[in-house]
Amino acid sequence: MAELAELTELTGRQLGLTAVRGRLLLPKEIAVFLRVSERWVQKHMKDGTFPVQWRLVGERDRVVDSAALDDWLKKIVIEAGTAPLPLRAIRKVKRR
C-alpha cells in the first residue's frame, strides 16, 4: 500500500518538467506552443490584434504571461459534446 502512495505523489517537477503557468514567454516560444510561425505572432502583436495582452521589454522584445495565454486557450476550446447544435433553418418564403 505504501508503494501506491508513492506513485500518486509523483509531480511534474520530479519528471524534469518545468511549470508553464506563470512564466513570461517570448514570441518564439509562443509560436512553438501555438504551432504558428514566429512572424505571425510578431505581426499580430505589432498590429494590436494578438488576443492576449503582452508587455514590451526593452526596445524590441515582447513577452506574454503564460497564465494569460492559458486562460485565453481555455476560453476558445470547446469540449466535445458541449457545443450547441445549429438552429434549424426557418423558411422565409411560404409555399401555397
Protein backbone atom coordinates (compact mmCIF):
# COMPACT_ATOMS: atom_id res chain seq x y z
CA MET A 1 0.00 0.00 0.00
CA ALA A 2 2.95 2.32 0.67
CA GLU A 3 4.11 1.83 -2.92
CA LEU A 4 0.78 3.08 -4.25
CA ALA A 5 1.01 6.25 -2.13
CA GLU A 6 4.45 6.95 -3.55
CA LEU A 7 3.13 6.69 -7.11
CA THR A 8 0.26 9.13 -6.54
CA GLU A 9 2.60 11.78 -5.14
CA LEU A 10 4.64 11.95 -8.35
CA THR A 11 4.83 15.51 -9.68
CA GLY A 12 5.90 17.01 -12.99
CA ARG A 13 8.94 18.54 -11.35
CA GLN A 14 10.13 15.06 -10.37
CA LEU A 15 9.89 14.08 -14.04
CA GLY A 16 12.01 17.07 -15.06
CA LEU A 17 9.12 19.19 -16.36
CA THR A 18 9.03 22.90 -15.67
CA ALA A 19 5.83 24.77 -14.92
CA VAL A 20 4.45 26.71 -17.86
CA ARG A 21 1.83 28.72 -15.99
CA GLY A 22 3.23 31.97 -14.64
CA ARG A 23 6.25 32.21 -16.97
CA LEU A 24 6.98 35.03 -19.38
CA LEU A 25 7.02 33.68 -22.93
CA LEU A 26 8.80 35.22 -25.89
CA PRO A 27 7.17 35.25 -29.36
CA LYS A 28 9.38 32.34 -30.41
CA GLU A 29 8.10 30.18 -27.52
CA ILE A 30 4.50 31.26 -28.16
CA ALA A 31 4.83 30.31 -31.83
CA VAL A 32 6.08 26.83 -30.95
CA PHE A 33 3.31 26.40 -28.38
CA LEU A 34 0.52 27.57 -30.74
CA ARG A 35 2.10 25.85 -33.77
CA VAL A 36 2.23 29.02 -35.84
CA SER A 37 5.18 30.98 -37.20
CA GLU A 38 7.08 33.44 -35.06
CA ARG A 39 6.46 36.06 -37.75
CA TRP A 40 2.68 35.58 -37.37
CA VAL A 41 2.88 36.16 -33.61
CA GLN A 42 5.06 39.27 -34.02
CA LYS A 43 2.81 40.68 -36.77
CA HIS A 44 -0.33 40.38 -34.65
CA MET A 45 1.42 41.84 -31.62
CA LYS A 46 2.55 44.81 -33.70
CA ASP A 47 -0.92 45.29 -35.24
CA GLY A 48 -2.63 45.01 -31.86
CA THR A 49 -4.71 42.02 -32.96
CA PHE A 50 -3.00 39.43 -30.76
CA PRO A 51 -5.75 38.15 -28.42
CA VAL A 52 -3.55 38.05 -25.31
CA GLN A 53 -2.16 41.10 -23.53
CA TRP A 54 1.60 41.43 -23.99
CA ARG A 55 4.29 43.66 -22.50
CA LEU A 56 7.20 45.39 -24.15
CA VAL A 57 10.57 44.51 -22.63
CA GLY A 58 13.46 46.64 -23.74
CA GLU A 59 13.19 48.29 -27.13
CA ARG A 60 12.02 45.35 -29.24
CA ASP A 61 11.29 42.29 -27.14
CA ARG A 62 7.72 41.44 -26.26
CA VAL A 63 6.61 38.94 -23.62
CA VAL A 64 3.30 37.30 -22.73
CA ASP A 65 2.40 35.87 -19.34
CA SER A 66 1.78 32.18 -19.83
CA ALA A 67 -1.16 32.30 -17.40
CA ALA A 68 -2.94 34.80 -19.68
CA LEU A 69 -2.22 32.62 -22.70
CA ASP A 70 -3.57 29.57 -20.87
CA ASP A 71 -6.74 31.45 -19.85
CA TRP A 72 -7.33 32.56 -23.46
CA LEU A 73 -6.90 29.00 -24.72
CA LYS A 74 -9.39 27.71 -22.16
CA LYS A 75 -11.95 30.24 -23.43
CA ILE A 76 -11.68 29.24 -27.08
CA VAL A 77 -11.58 25.46 -26.64
CA ILE A 78 -14.96 23.77 -26.73
CA GLU A 79 -15.04 20.33 -25.22
CA ALA A 80 -16.62 17.53 -27.22
CA GLY A 81 -20.38 17.42 -26.80
CA THR A 82 -20.73 20.85 -25.19
CA ALA A 83 -21.23 22.96 -28.32
CA PRO A 84 -24.85 23.91 -29.04
CA LEU A 85 -26.41 22.39 -32.12
CA PRO A 86 -27.13 24.76 -35.01
CA LEU A 87 -30.66 26.06 -35.23
CA ARG A 88 -32.95 24.69 -37.89
CA ALA A 89 -33.30 27.00 -40.86
CA ILE A 90 -36.59 28.91 -40.95
CA ARG A 91 -38.18 29.13 -44.35
CA LYS A 92 -38.98 32.75 -45.22
CA VAL A 93 -40.94 32.07 -48.41
CA LYS A 94 -44.22 30.29 -47.80
CA ARG A 95 -45.47 27.75 -50.27
CA ARG A 96 -49.07 27.82 -51.46
